[in-house]
C-alpha atoms as a PDB file:
ATOM      1  CA  MET A   1       5.675  11.647 -22.046  1.00  0.00           C
ATOM      2  CA  GLY A   2       3.822   9.147 -24.349  1.00  0.00           C
ATOM      3  CA  LYS A   3       3.169   5.478 -23.746  1.00  0.00           C
ATOM      4  CA  GLN A   4       6.186   4.387 -25.958  1.00  0.00           C
ATOM      5  CA  THR A   5       8.374   6.601 -24.073  1.00  0.00           C
ATOM      6  CA  THR A   6       6.958   5.389 -20.345  1.00  0.00           C
ATOM      7  CA  GLU A   7       7.564   1.935 -21.328  1.00  0.00           C
ATOM      8  CA  MET A   8      11.133   2.141 -22.604  1.00  0.00           C
ATOM      9  CA  LEU A   9      12.181   4.247 -19.780  1.00  0.00           C
ATOM     10  CA  LYS A  10      10.978   1.179 -17.442  1.00  0.00           C
ATOM     11  CA  GLY A  11      13.549  -0.985 -19.021  1.00  0.00           C
ATOM     12  CA  VAL A  12      16.487   1.252 -18.153  1.00  0.00           C
ATOM     13  CA  LEU A  13      15.312   3.602 -15.277  1.00  0.00           C
ATOM     14  CA  GLU A  14      17.185   1.185 -12.842  1.00  0.00           C
ATOM     15  CA  GLY A  15      20.615   2.071 -14.960  1.00  0.00           C
ATOM     16  CA  ILE A  16      19.553   5.557 -14.970  1.00  0.00           C
ATOM     17  CA  VAL A  17      19.461   5.743 -11.038  1.00  0.00           C
ATOM     18  CA  LEU A  18      22.487   3.914 -10.614  1.00  0.00           C
ATOM     19  CA  ALA A  19      24.380   6.410 -12.771  1.00  0.00           C
ATOM     20  CA  ILE A  20      22.859   9.072 -10.654  1.00  0.00           C
ATOM     21  CA  LEU A  21      23.816   7.608  -7.432  1.00  0.00           C
ATOM     22  CA  ALA A  22      27.289   7.274  -9.263  1.00  0.00           C
ATOM     23  CA  ALA A  23      27.761  10.782  -8.996  1.00  0.00           C
ATOM     24  CA  ARG A  24      26.886  11.306  -5.336  1.00  0.00           C
ATOM     25  CA  PRO A  25      24.558   9.540  -2.436  1.00  0.00           C
ATOM     26  CA  ALA A  26      21.126  10.951  -2.513  1.00  0.00           C
ATOM     27  CA  TYR A  27      17.432  10.230  -1.225  1.00  0.00           C
ATOM     28  CA  GLY A  28      14.254   9.499  -3.163  1.00  0.00           C
ATOM     29  CA  TYR A  29      13.055  12.730  -3.603  1.00  0.00           C
ATOM     30  CA  GLU A  30      16.365  14.378  -4.797  1.00  0.00           C
ATOM     31  CA  ILE A  31      16.491  11.792  -7.382  1.00  0.00           C
ATOM     32  CA  THR A  32      12.884  12.251  -8.675  1.00  0.00           C
ATOM     33  CA  ALA A  33      13.564  16.003  -8.653  1.00  0.00           C
ATOM     34  CA  GLY A  34      16.848  15.601 -10.251  1.00  0.00           C
ATOM     35  CA  LEU A  35      15.303  13.501 -13.334  1.00  0.00           C
ATOM     36  CA  ARG A  36      12.458  15.899 -13.581  1.00  0.00           C
ATOM     37  CA  ASP A  37      15.067  18.385 -13.826  1.00  0.00           C
ATOM     38  CA  ARG A  38      16.546  16.626 -16.854  1.00  0.00           C
ATOM     39  CA  GLY A  39      12.979  16.543 -18.392  1.00  0.00           C
ATOM     40  CA  PHE A  40      11.420  13.726 -17.190  1.00  0.00           C
ATOM     41  CA  VAL A  41       8.797  15.520 -16.202  1.00  0.00           C
ATOM     42  CA  ASP A  42       5.892  13.071 -16.175  1.00  0.00           C
ATOM     43  CA  LEU A  43       7.994  10.498 -13.966  1.00  0.00           C
ATOM     44  CA  ALA A  44       5.923   9.474 -10.729  1.00  0.00           C
ATOM     45  CA  GLU A  45       7.917   9.744  -7.661  1.00  0.00           C
ATOM     46  CA  GLY A  46       6.429   6.106  -6.467  1.00  0.00           C
ATOM     47  CA  THR A  47       8.097   4.814  -9.621  1.00  0.00           C
ATOM     48  CA  ILE A  48      11.534   5.945  -8.373  1.00  0.00           C
ATOM     49  CA  TYR A  49      11.000   4.495  -4.748  1.00  0.00           C
ATOM     50  CA  ALA A  50       9.936   1.219  -6.591  1.00  0.00           C
ATOM     51  CA  VAL A  51      13.613   1.265  -8.092  1.00  0.00           C
ATOM     52  CA  LEU A  52      15.258   2.273  -4.954  1.00  0.00           C
ATOM     53  CA  ILE A  53      13.345  -0.597  -2.841  1.00  0.00           C
ATOM     54  CA  ARG A  54      14.514  -3.264  -5.759  1.00  0.00           C
ATOM     55  CA  ILE A  55      18.118  -2.280  -5.869  1.00  0.00           C
ATOM     56  CA  GLU A  56      18.274  -1.965  -1.958  1.00  0.00           C
ATOM     57  CA  GLN A  57      17.224  -5.714  -1.955  1.00  0.00           C
ATOM     58  CA  ARG A  58      19.694  -6.738  -4.463  1.00  0.00           C
ATOM     59  CA  GLY A  59      22.323  -5.320  -2.744  1.00  0.00           C
ATOM     60  CA  LEU A  60      23.315  -2.480  -5.414  1.00  0.00           C
ATOM     61  CA  VAL A  61      23.297   0.500  -2.888  1.00  0.00           C
ATOM     62  CA  ASP A  62      24.249   1.236   0.919  1.00  0.00           C
ATOM     63  CA  VAL A  63      21.353   2.848   2.774  1.00  0.00           C
ATOM     64  CA  GLU A  64      21.998   5.537   5.583  1.00  0.00           C
ATOM     65  CA  LYS A  65      19.253   7.038   7.513  1.00  0.00           C
ATOM     66  CA  VAL A  66      19.747  10.720   7.881  1.00  0.00           C
ATOM     67  CA  PRO A  67      17.477  13.031  10.355  1.00  0.00           C
ATOM     68  CA  SER A  68      15.077  15.228   8.248  1.00  0.00           C
ATOM     69  CA  GLU A  69      14.336  18.728   9.564  1.00  0.00           C
ATOM     70  CA  LYS A  70      10.783  17.726   8.509  1.00  0.00           C
ATOM     71  CA  GLY A  71       9.271  14.400   9.303  1.00  0.00           C
ATOM     72  CA  PRO A  72      10.746  10.948   9.846  1.00  0.00           C
ATOM     73  CA  PRO A  73      14.542  10.316   8.709  1.00  0.00           C
ATOM     74  CA  ARG A  74      15.445  10.121   5.238  1.00  0.00           C
ATOM     75  CA  LYS A  75      17.025   7.072   3.627  1.00  0.00           C
ATOM     76  CA  VAL A  76      20.037   8.309   1.614  1.00  0.00           C
ATOM     77  CA  TYR A  77      21.164   5.899  -0.839  1.00  0.00           C
ATOM     78  CA  SER A  78      24.776   5.542  -2.161  1.00  0.00           C
ATOM     79  CA  LEU A  79      26.131   3.501  -4.811  1.00  0.00           C
ATOM     80  CA  ASN A  80      28.528   0.050  -3.571  1.00  0.00           C
ATOM     81  CA  ALA A  81      30.952  -1.852  -5.080  1.00  0.00           C
ATOM     82  CA  GLN A  82      28.288  -4.203  -6.485  1.00  0.00           C
ATOM     83  CA  GLY A  83      25.933  -1.547  -7.579  1.00  0.00           C
ATOM     84  CA  GLN A  84      29.037  -0.063  -9.843  1.00  0.00           C
ATOM     85  CA  GLU A  85      29.568  -3.482 -11.230  1.00  0.00           C
ATOM     86  CA  GLN A  86      25.746  -3.346 -12.171  1.00  0.00           C
ATOM     87  CA  LEU A  87      26.254   0.081 -13.843  1.00  0.00           C
ATOM     88  CA  THR A  88      29.336  -0.910 -15.943  1.00  0.00           C
ATOM     89  CA  GLU A  89      27.109  -3.691 -17.088  1.00  0.00           C
ATOM     90  CA  PHE A  90      24.613  -1.120 -17.912  1.00  0.00           C
ATOM     91  CA  TRP A  91      26.677   0.900 -19.671  1.00  0.00           C
ATOM     92  CA  GLY A  92      28.179  -1.947 -21.760  1.00  0.00           C
ATOM     93  CA  THR A  93      24.599  -2.934 -22.693  1.00  0.00           C
ATOM     94  CA  TRP A  94      23.334   0.432 -23.635  1.00  0.00           C
ATOM     95  CA  SER A  95      26.339   1.040 -25.941  1.00  0.00           C
ATOM     96  CA  PHE A  96      25.746  -2.468 -27.588  1.00  0.00           C
ATOM     97  CA  LEU A  97      21.938  -1.395 -28.042  1.00  0.00           C
ATOM     98  CA  THR A  98      22.396   2.181 -29.000  1.00  0.00           C
ATOM     99  CA  GLU A  99      25.139   0.880 -31.561  1.00  0.00           C
ATOM    100  CA  ARG A 100      22.735  -1.478 -33.239  1.00  0.00           C
ATOM    101  CA  LEU A 101      19.606   1.052 -33.200  1.00  0.00           C
ATOM    102  CA  GLU A 102      21.746   3.576 -34.925  1.00  0.00           C
ATOM    103  CA  GLN A 103      22.965   0.767 -37.644  1.00  0.00           C
ATOM    104  CA  LEU A 104      19.323  -0.072 -38.007  1.00  0.00           C
ATOM    105  CA  ARG A 105      18.048   3.690 -38.105  1.00  0.00           C
ATOM    106  CA  GLU A 106      20.611   4.218 -41.061  1.00  0.00           C
ATOM    107  CA  GLY A 107      19.286   1.397 -43.393  1.00  0.00           C
ATOM    108  CA  GLY A 108      20.905  -1.817 -41.890  1.00  0.00           C
ATOM    109  CA  LYS A 109      24.518  -0.772 -42.518  1.00  0.00           C
END
């Protein structure tokens, strides 16, 4: 990913993580691996953990510690009602921005 892509991704990464958790609960590595499978190959695992800490502190997810076969228990994150509200707001903002950007790309129509 180029610098511009990285900077733009930082602005929407929280919404992306919430969208992934809306589909099903997951732990940090699963989220990172899923994003890499979707083409975000240069995404650092630590970046996702920073987002998870932030959304946990903001009360957007519920966290359950689940035993792991290897090492300490895993923190499994699931979207709660407040997180769903935030995700709905994110998609509304995303739609607004993409419509305006598309207008600009088409010459300001």
